[in-house]
Amino acid sequence: MNQAEWLERYFQIVSESSDEGAEAVRFVRENRIRVGMKRARKSVGAFWTLGRSFYLNKVHYTKESALENLRAVTLFVHEVRHLQQGILTAMSIYGEMEAWQYEFRLYKKLTGKTLKPELEELLALPLSYERTTLRRAQRLMTKFAGFWYLAWMLPLYPIHKELMHSITRKPYDDI
């Protein structure tokens, strides 16, 4: 199957999965985001780029398996969420936490399954700029995805807010 045929089938599957999937596909189409497959490190299921692209990791997916695997649907929603957030938020633990919660709430909704304990705990955390909550989310992401997921490298807040926090020591909302 060629790229265009695969992409249309993939979009259809994601769109039909849920309202979240339909919204993500609509965003991708309206913003002409490139979607494809590329190889990445094993700890990554999918990724976005500054060039406004989304890729499933070839280490885990083929064109055929992506059409059959529900995680390929929820990863799409996760990565598109980052593209919607913008780079400053996406490259923070706050941005990751929001995308992980969005993805795994959808996965739970679609499967009805209980997730691994670290994911259930992550879903139970309030999405907030509270630093202790964000540190907990960071540890849970690392526990689930492993050291090479590199969540430990991200600032808790979007970087411009993190820099202001390091200078003023004020909470996010006061910066």
Protein backbone atom coordinates (compact mmCIF):
# COMPACT_ATOMS: atom_id res chain seq x y z
CA MET A 1 0.00 0.00 0.00
CA ASN A 2 1.38 3.40 -0.90
CA GLN A 3 1.80 6.29 1.54
CA ALA A 4 -1.33 8.19 0.46
CA GLU A 5 -3.57 5.10 0.78
CA TRP A 6 -2.10 4.22 4.16
CA LEU A 7 -2.47 7.77 5.42
CA GLU A 8 -6.15 7.98 4.45
CA ARG A 9 -6.85 4.64 6.14
CA TYR A 10 -4.94 5.70 9.25
CA PHE A 11 -6.80 9.03 9.41
CA GLN A 12 -10.11 7.22 9.01
CA ILE A 13 -9.31 4.80 11.84
CA VAL A 14 -8.18 7.60 14.16
CA SER A 15 -11.20 9.79 13.26
CA GLU A 16 -13.68 7.00 13.83
CA SER A 17 -12.13 5.98 17.15
CA SER A 18 -13.45 8.92 19.16
CA ASP A 19 -14.19 12.62 19.27
CA GLU A 20 -10.58 13.15 20.37
CA GLY A 21 -9.34 11.26 17.32
CA ALA A 22 -11.62 13.19 14.96
CA GLU A 23 -10.41 16.49 16.45
CA ALA A 24 -6.76 15.45 16.07
CA VAL A 25 -7.20 14.45 12.42
CA ARG A 26 -9.06 17.69 11.70
CA PHE A 27 -6.17 19.66 13.25
CA VAL A 28 -3.61 17.73 11.19
CA ARG A 29 -5.51 18.28 7.95
CA GLU A 30 -6.21 21.98 8.59
CA ASN A 31 -2.58 22.65 9.50
CA ARG A 32 -1.07 20.44 6.80
CA ILE A 33 0.98 18.44 9.27
CA ARG A 34 3.05 15.69 7.67
CA VAL A 35 2.36 12.21 9.02
CA GLY A 36 4.55 9.19 8.46
CA MET A 37 6.90 6.66 9.97
CA LYS A 38 10.54 7.04 11.00
CA ARG A 39 12.93 5.15 13.17
CA ALA A 40 13.60 6.51 16.69
CA ARG A 41 14.99 5.16 19.95
CA LYS A 42 13.07 2.26 21.45
CA SER A 43 11.61 4.25 24.37
CA VAL A 44 9.61 6.41 21.93
CA GLY A 45 6.33 5.24 20.38
CA ALA A 46 5.84 8.31 18.22
CA PHE A 47 7.17 11.84 17.99
CA TRP A 48 6.55 15.30 16.54
CA THR A 49 9.06 17.67 15.00
CA LEU A 50 9.55 21.42 14.83
CA GLY A 51 8.84 21.11 11.11
CA ARG A 52 5.23 20.28 12.02
CA SER A 53 5.43 16.58 11.39
CA PHE A 54 4.19 13.53 13.27
CA TYR A 55 5.87 10.14 13.00
CA LEU A 56 5.14 6.71 14.37
CA ASN A 57 8.33 4.91 15.37
CA LYS A 58 9.28 2.22 12.83
CA VAL A 59 10.85 0.28 15.70
CA HIS A 60 7.34 -0.47 16.95
CA TYR A 61 5.04 -0.07 13.94
CA THR A 62 4.66 -0.96 10.30
CA LYS A 63 2.02 0.58 8.07
CA GLU A 64 -0.07 -2.53 8.54
CA SER A 65 0.32 -2.84 12.31
CA ALA A 66 -0.46 0.87 12.79
CA LEU A 67 -3.87 0.26 11.24
CA GLU A 68 -4.60 -2.53 13.73
CA ASN A 69 -3.01 -1.27 16.95
CA LEU A 70 -5.05 0.97 19.23
CA ARG A 71 -1.87 2.51 20.67
CA ALA A 72 -1.11 3.91 17.19
CA VAL A 73 -4.43 5.77 17.49
CA THR A 74 -3.84 7.10 20.99
CA LEU A 75 -0.24 8.05 20.20
CA PHE A 76 -1.55 10.10 17.28
CA VAL A 77 -3.83 11.99 19.66
CA HIS A 78 -0.94 12.46 22.13
CA GLU A 79 1.53 13.85 19.58
CA VAL A 80 -1.04 16.08 17.91
CA ARG A 81 -1.81 17.47 21.37
CA HIS A 82 1.85 18.57 21.55
CA LEU A 83 1.56 20.27 18.17
CA GLN A 84 -1.54 22.09 19.46
CA GLN A 85 0.28 23.15 22.65
CA GLY A 86 3.18 24.78 20.85
CA ILE A 87 6.85 24.10 21.44
CA LEU A 88 7.28 25.91 24.77
CA THR A 89 4.53 23.97 26.51
CA ALA A 90 5.16 20.71 24.65
CA MET A 91 8.78 20.67 25.79
CA SER A 92 7.89 20.72 29.48
CA ILE A 93 6.67 18.22 32.02
CA TYR A 94 3.41 20.16 32.19
CA GLY A 95 2.96 19.64 28.43
CA GLU A 96 3.91 15.98 28.66
CA MET A 97 1.57 15.42 31.57
CA GLU A 98 -1.33 16.96 29.67
CA ALA A 99 -0.59 14.85 26.57
CA TRP A 100 -0.10 11.64 28.58
CA GLN A 101 -3.36 12.19 30.46
CA TYR A 102 -5.20 12.93 27.21
CA GLU A 103 -3.76 9.83 25.55
CA PHE A 104 -4.26 7.37 28.37
CA ARG A 105 -7.75 8.59 29.29
CA LEU A 106 -8.65 7.92 25.67
CA TYR A 107 -6.96 4.50 25.75
CA LYS A 108 -8.90 3.60 28.91
CA LYS A 109 -12.14 4.84 27.39
CA LEU A 110 -11.61 2.79 24.22
CA THR A 111 -10.48 -0.42 25.93
CA GLY A 112 -12.22 -0.31 29.31
CA LYS A 113 -9.00 -1.71 30.80
CA THR A 114 -7.24 -0.77 33.99
CA LEU A 115 -3.78 0.54 33.19
CA LYS A 116 -0.45 -0.12 34.86
CA PRO A 117 -0.30 1.40 38.36
CA GLU A 118 2.03 4.25 37.36
CA LEU A 119 -0.37 5.29 34.57
CA GLU A 120 -3.40 5.09 36.85
CA GLU A 121 -1.57 7.29 39.35
CA LEU A 122 -0.61 9.75 36.61
CA LEU A 123 -4.25 9.96 35.52
CA ALA A 124 -5.28 10.66 39.11
CA LEU A 125 -2.95 13.66 39.39
CA PRO A 126 -4.57 17.06 38.86
CA LEU A 127 -3.29 18.87 35.79
CA SER A 128 -1.75 21.88 37.46
CA TYR A 129 1.43 23.92 37.69
CA GLU A 130 2.09 22.69 41.22
CA ARG A 131 5.79 21.73 41.19
CA THR A 132 5.41 18.71 43.49
CA THR A 133 2.68 17.35 41.20
CA LEU A 134 4.82 17.91 38.12
CA ARG A 135 7.83 16.21 39.76
CA ARG A 136 5.62 13.23 40.62
CA ALA A 137 4.37 13.09 37.02
CA GLN A 138 7.97 13.21 35.79
CA ARG A 139 8.92 10.23 37.98
CA LEU A 140 5.85 8.26 36.87
CA MET A 141 6.62 8.88 33.18
CA THR A 142 10.19 7.73 33.69
CA LYS A 143 9.04 4.66 35.59
CA PHE A 144 6.66 3.72 32.78
CA ALA A 145 8.73 4.67 29.72
CA GLY A 146 12.24 4.24 31.11
CA PHE A 147 15.30 6.43 31.57
CA TRP A 148 15.79 6.93 27.82
CA TYR A 149 12.39 8.53 27.46
CA LEU A 150 14.31 11.53 28.83
CA ALA A 151 11.48 13.09 30.85
CA TRP A 152 14.08 13.87 33.51
CA MET A 153 15.64 16.39 31.10
CA LEU A 154 12.54 18.52 30.62
CA PRO A 155 11.78 21.60 32.70
CA LEU A 156 8.68 21.34 34.85
CA TYR A 157 7.18 24.55 33.43
CA PRO A 158 7.40 25.80 29.85
CA ILE A 159 10.99 27.06 29.61
CA HIS A 160 10.22 30.80 29.64
CA LYS A 161 8.16 30.33 32.82
CA GLU A 162 10.81 28.00 34.28
CA LEU A 163 13.47 30.66 33.81
CA MET A 164 11.29 33.29 35.48
CA HIS A 165 10.58 30.88 38.33
CA SER A 166 14.30 30.26 38.84
CA ILE A 167 14.84 34.02 39.14
CA THR A 168 11.78 35.01 41.17
CA ARG A 169 10.91 31.73 42.94
CA LYS A 170 7.27 32.65 42.38
CA PRO A 171 4.72 29.98 41.44
CA TYR A 172 3.74 29.73 37.77
CA ASP A 173 0.50 31.67 38.17
CA ASP A 174 2.37 34.64 39.68
CA ILE A 175 5.01 34.87 36.94
